[in-house]
N, C-alpha and C. Protein backbone atom coordinates (compact mmCIF):
# COMPACT_ATOMS: atom_id res chain seq x y z
N MET A 1 0.81 -1.19 0.00
CA MET A 1 0.00 0.00 0.00
C MET A 1 0.86 1.26 0.00
N GLU A 2 1.99 1.22 0.74
CA GLU A 2 2.89 2.36 0.75
C GLU A 2 3.50 2.60 -0.62
N ASN A 3 3.71 1.55 -1.37
CA ASN A 3 4.32 1.67 -2.68
C ASN A 3 3.42 2.46 -3.63
N ILE A 4 2.11 2.29 -3.54
CA ILE A 4 1.17 3.01 -4.39
C ILE A 4 1.19 4.49 -4.06
N TYR A 5 1.18 4.83 -2.78
CA TYR A 5 1.22 6.24 -2.38
C TYR A 5 2.54 6.89 -2.79
N PHE A 6 3.63 6.18 -2.59
CA PHE A 6 4.94 6.71 -2.97
C PHE A 6 5.02 6.94 -4.48
N SER A 7 4.51 6.00 -5.26
CA SER A 7 4.52 6.14 -6.72
C SER A 7 3.64 7.30 -7.17
N THR A 8 2.49 7.48 -6.53
CA THR A 8 1.58 8.57 -6.87
C THR A 8 2.22 9.92 -6.57
N ILE A 9 2.83 10.06 -5.40
CA ILE A 9 3.48 11.31 -5.03
C ILE A 9 4.66 11.59 -5.96
N LYS A 10 5.41 10.57 -6.28
CA LYS A 10 6.55 10.71 -7.19
C LYS A 10 6.08 11.18 -8.57
N MET A 11 4.99 10.60 -9.07
CA MET A 11 4.46 10.99 -10.37
C MET A 11 3.97 12.45 -10.35
N LEU A 12 3.29 12.85 -9.29
CA LEU A 12 2.80 14.24 -9.18
C LEU A 12 3.96 15.23 -9.12
N LEU A 13 5.02 14.90 -8.43
CA LEU A 13 6.19 15.78 -8.36
C LEU A 13 6.87 15.91 -9.72
N VAL A 14 6.94 14.83 -10.47
CA VAL A 14 7.55 14.88 -11.81
C VAL A 14 6.70 15.75 -12.73
N VAL A 15 5.38 15.59 -12.70
CA VAL A 15 4.49 16.40 -13.53
C VAL A 15 4.61 17.88 -13.15
N LEU A 16 4.65 18.17 -11.85
CA LEU A 16 4.79 19.54 -11.38
C LEU A 16 6.12 20.14 -11.85
N ALA A 17 7.20 19.38 -11.78
CA ALA A 17 8.50 19.86 -12.25
C ALA A 17 8.48 20.12 -13.75
N MET A 18 7.81 19.28 -14.52
CA MET A 18 7.73 19.48 -15.97
C MET A 18 6.94 20.75 -16.29
N VAL A 19 5.82 20.97 -15.62
CA VAL A 19 5.01 22.15 -15.85
C VAL A 19 5.80 23.41 -15.50
N CYS A 20 6.50 23.40 -14.36
CA CYS A 20 7.32 24.55 -13.98
C CYS A 20 8.43 24.79 -15.00
N GLY A 21 9.04 23.75 -15.51
CA GLY A 21 10.07 23.90 -16.53
C GLY A 21 9.54 24.51 -17.81
N ILE A 22 8.37 24.09 -18.24
CA ILE A 22 7.76 24.64 -19.46
C ILE A 22 7.42 26.11 -19.26
N ILE A 23 6.86 26.45 -18.11
CA ILE A 23 6.51 27.85 -17.83
C ILE A 23 7.75 28.72 -17.82
N LEU A 24 8.81 28.28 -17.17
CA LEU A 24 10.06 29.05 -17.15
C LEU A 24 10.68 29.18 -18.53
N PHE A 25 10.61 28.12 -19.32
CA PHE A 25 11.15 28.17 -20.68
C PHE A 25 10.45 29.22 -21.51
N PHE A 26 9.11 29.23 -21.51
CA PHE A 26 8.38 30.20 -22.31
C PHE A 26 8.50 31.61 -21.75
N ARG A 27 8.65 31.74 -20.45
CA ARG A 27 8.78 33.07 -19.86
C ARG A 27 10.10 33.72 -20.24
N TYR A 28 11.19 32.96 -20.23
CA TYR A 28 12.51 33.51 -20.51
C TYR A 28 12.99 33.27 -21.93
N SER A 29 12.16 32.76 -22.81
CA SER A 29 12.58 32.52 -24.19
C SER A 29 12.83 33.84 -24.92
N GLY A 30 12.12 34.91 -24.57
CA GLY A 30 12.36 36.21 -25.18
C GLY A 30 13.72 36.76 -24.79
N LYS A 31 14.13 36.55 -23.55
CA LYS A 31 15.44 37.03 -23.11
C LYS A 31 16.57 36.22 -23.73
N LEU A 32 16.29 34.98 -24.10
CA LEU A 32 17.29 34.14 -24.74
C LEU A 32 17.34 34.35 -26.25
N ARG A 33 16.49 35.26 -26.75
CA ARG A 33 16.40 35.59 -28.18
C ARG A 33 15.99 34.40 -29.03
N LEU A 34 15.11 33.57 -28.50
CA LEU A 34 14.58 32.45 -29.28
C LEU A 34 13.38 32.95 -30.07
N LYS A 35 13.30 32.60 -31.31
CA LYS A 35 12.19 33.02 -32.17
C LYS A 35 11.12 31.93 -32.16
N LEU A 36 10.28 31.96 -31.14
CA LEU A 36 9.21 30.98 -31.05
C LEU A 36 7.93 31.58 -31.60
N PRO A 37 7.22 30.87 -32.44
CA PRO A 37 5.99 31.41 -33.03
C PRO A 37 4.81 31.29 -32.07
N LEU A 38 4.86 32.00 -30.94
CA LEU A 38 3.79 31.92 -29.95
C LEU A 38 2.69 32.93 -30.23
N LYS A 39 3.07 34.10 -30.66
CA LYS A 39 2.11 35.17 -30.89
C LYS A 39 2.06 35.47 -32.38
N SER A 40 0.89 35.65 -32.89
CA SER A 40 0.76 36.05 -34.29
C SER A 40 0.28 37.49 -34.33
N SER A 41 1.04 38.36 -33.70
CA SER A 41 0.67 39.77 -33.60
C SER A 41 1.18 40.52 -34.82
N ALA A 42 0.34 41.38 -35.36
CA ALA A 42 0.74 42.18 -36.51
C ALA A 42 1.44 43.45 -36.06
N LEU A 43 1.33 43.80 -34.78
CA LEU A 43 1.93 45.02 -34.24
C LEU A 43 3.15 44.66 -33.41
N GLN A 44 4.29 45.31 -33.72
CA GLN A 44 5.52 45.02 -33.01
C GLN A 44 6.28 46.32 -32.79
N LYS A 45 6.70 46.58 -31.54
CA LYS A 45 7.49 47.76 -31.23
C LYS A 45 8.95 47.45 -31.52
N VAL A 46 9.58 48.30 -32.33
CA VAL A 46 10.96 48.08 -32.72
C VAL A 46 11.90 48.80 -31.75
N ASP A 47 11.65 50.10 -31.51
CA ASP A 47 12.53 50.87 -30.64
C ASP A 47 11.78 52.07 -30.09
N THR A 48 12.24 52.58 -28.94
CA THR A 48 11.64 53.74 -28.30
C THR A 48 12.74 54.64 -27.79
N ILE A 49 12.57 55.94 -28.01
CA ILE A 49 13.49 56.94 -27.48
C ILE A 49 12.69 57.85 -26.56
N HIS A 50 13.10 57.92 -25.29
CA HIS A 50 12.42 58.77 -24.32
C HIS A 50 12.98 60.18 -24.42
N LEU A 51 12.09 61.16 -24.53
CA LEU A 51 12.50 62.56 -24.69
C LEU A 51 12.32 63.37 -23.41
N GLY A 52 11.52 62.91 -22.52
CA GLY A 52 11.25 63.63 -21.28
C GLY A 52 10.17 62.91 -20.51
N TYR A 53 9.60 63.60 -19.53
CA TYR A 53 8.57 63.01 -18.70
C TYR A 53 7.33 62.73 -19.55
N ARG A 54 7.00 61.46 -19.72
CA ARG A 54 5.85 61.00 -20.50
C ARG A 54 5.87 61.47 -21.95
N LYS A 55 7.06 61.61 -22.52
CA LYS A 55 7.19 62.00 -23.92
C LYS A 55 8.23 61.09 -24.56
N PHE A 56 7.86 60.46 -25.68
CA PHE A 56 8.80 59.59 -26.36
C PHE A 56 8.43 59.44 -27.82
N VAL A 57 9.39 58.96 -28.59
CA VAL A 57 9.20 58.64 -30.00
C VAL A 57 9.41 57.14 -30.12
N SER A 58 8.49 56.48 -30.81
CA SER A 58 8.55 55.03 -30.92
C SER A 58 8.45 54.61 -32.38
N VAL A 59 9.24 53.61 -32.76
CA VAL A 59 9.19 53.03 -34.10
C VAL A 59 8.46 51.70 -33.98
N MET A 60 7.43 51.52 -34.79
CA MET A 60 6.59 50.33 -34.72
C MET A 60 6.42 49.73 -36.11
N GLU A 61 6.27 48.40 -36.14
CA GLU A 61 5.97 47.70 -37.39
C GLU A 61 4.56 47.17 -37.32
N VAL A 62 3.77 47.47 -38.35
CA VAL A 62 2.41 46.97 -38.46
C VAL A 62 2.30 46.27 -39.80
N LYS A 63 2.26 44.94 -39.75
CA LYS A 63 2.26 44.10 -40.95
C LYS A 63 3.40 44.48 -41.87
N ASP A 64 3.13 45.18 -42.98
CA ASP A 64 4.19 45.53 -43.93
C ASP A 64 4.49 47.03 -43.94
N HIS A 65 4.15 47.73 -42.87
CA HIS A 65 4.42 49.16 -42.75
C HIS A 65 5.27 49.43 -41.51
N VAL A 66 6.05 50.52 -41.58
CA VAL A 66 6.83 51.00 -40.45
C VAL A 66 6.27 52.36 -40.08
N LEU A 67 5.97 52.57 -38.80
CA LEU A 67 5.40 53.83 -38.32
C LEU A 67 6.33 54.45 -37.29
N VAL A 68 6.51 55.76 -37.37
CA VAL A 68 7.23 56.51 -36.35
C VAL A 68 6.18 57.36 -35.66
N VAL A 69 6.00 57.11 -34.35
CA VAL A 69 4.92 57.74 -33.59
C VAL A 69 5.52 58.57 -32.46
N GLY A 70 5.04 59.80 -32.33
CA GLY A 70 5.42 60.66 -31.22
C GLY A 70 4.30 60.65 -30.20
N VAL A 71 4.65 60.44 -28.92
CA VAL A 71 3.65 60.34 -27.86
C VAL A 71 3.97 61.36 -26.79
N GLY A 72 2.98 62.17 -26.44
CA GLY A 72 3.12 63.15 -25.37
C GLY A 72 2.18 62.79 -24.23
N GLU A 73 1.99 63.72 -23.30
CA GLU A 73 1.12 63.45 -22.16
C GLU A 73 -0.33 63.26 -22.58
N LYS A 74 -0.79 64.06 -23.56
CA LYS A 74 -2.21 64.01 -23.94
C LYS A 74 -2.43 63.77 -25.42
N GLU A 75 -1.37 63.54 -26.18
CA GLU A 75 -1.56 63.38 -27.62
C GLU A 75 -0.62 62.32 -28.19
N ILE A 76 -1.04 61.79 -29.34
CA ILE A 76 -0.24 60.84 -30.11
C ILE A 76 -0.23 61.35 -31.55
N SER A 77 0.97 61.43 -32.15
CA SER A 77 1.08 61.95 -33.51
C SER A 77 1.87 60.98 -34.38
N LEU A 78 1.41 60.79 -35.58
CA LEU A 78 2.13 59.99 -36.57
C LEU A 78 3.16 60.90 -37.23
N LEU A 79 4.43 60.63 -37.01
CA LEU A 79 5.50 61.48 -37.54
C LEU A 79 5.92 61.05 -38.94
N ALA A 80 5.96 59.75 -39.20
CA ALA A 80 6.35 59.25 -40.52
C ALA A 80 5.85 57.82 -40.68
N SER A 81 5.67 57.42 -41.91
CA SER A 81 5.30 56.02 -42.19
C SER A 81 5.81 55.66 -43.57
N TRP A 82 6.16 54.39 -43.74
CA TRP A 82 6.58 53.89 -45.03
C TRP A 82 6.35 52.38 -45.09
N ARG A 83 6.37 51.88 -46.30
CA ARG A 83 6.16 50.46 -46.54
C ARG A 83 7.50 49.74 -46.44
N LYS A 84 7.51 48.58 -45.75
CA LYS A 84 8.75 47.81 -45.61
C LYS A 84 9.13 47.20 -46.95
N GLU A 85 10.42 47.13 -47.19
CA GLU A 85 10.93 46.46 -48.39
C GLU A 85 10.96 44.97 -48.15
N GLU A 86 10.65 44.20 -49.17
CA GLU A 86 10.70 42.76 -49.05
C GLU A 86 12.14 42.30 -49.04
N GLU A 87 12.45 41.33 -48.17
CA GLU A 87 13.81 40.81 -48.11
C GLU A 87 14.06 39.90 -49.30
N ARG A 88 15.21 40.09 -49.92
CA ARG A 88 15.56 39.26 -51.07
C ARG A 88 16.56 38.21 -50.65
N ALA A 89 16.31 36.99 -51.06
CA ALA A 89 17.20 35.88 -50.67
C ALA A 89 18.34 35.72 -51.62
């Protein structure tokens, strides 16, 4: 009877360790620069330059366009936009 309880507890601990490992892997995969296809987002922030308190300029990619956006305390302005060039192999 003790063997069944020991085996059950052992199995639960292994499953818990596997779940924790998977969670940690996906959480830190961005810091490891792994390109995992988890999100299919069309909006991606490329870079941000802070200009002052609650003021910054941000470069964003939206599908096949690049946008330069200026953000202030109460306003957002589109500073520039252009179409991305296709990469040639």
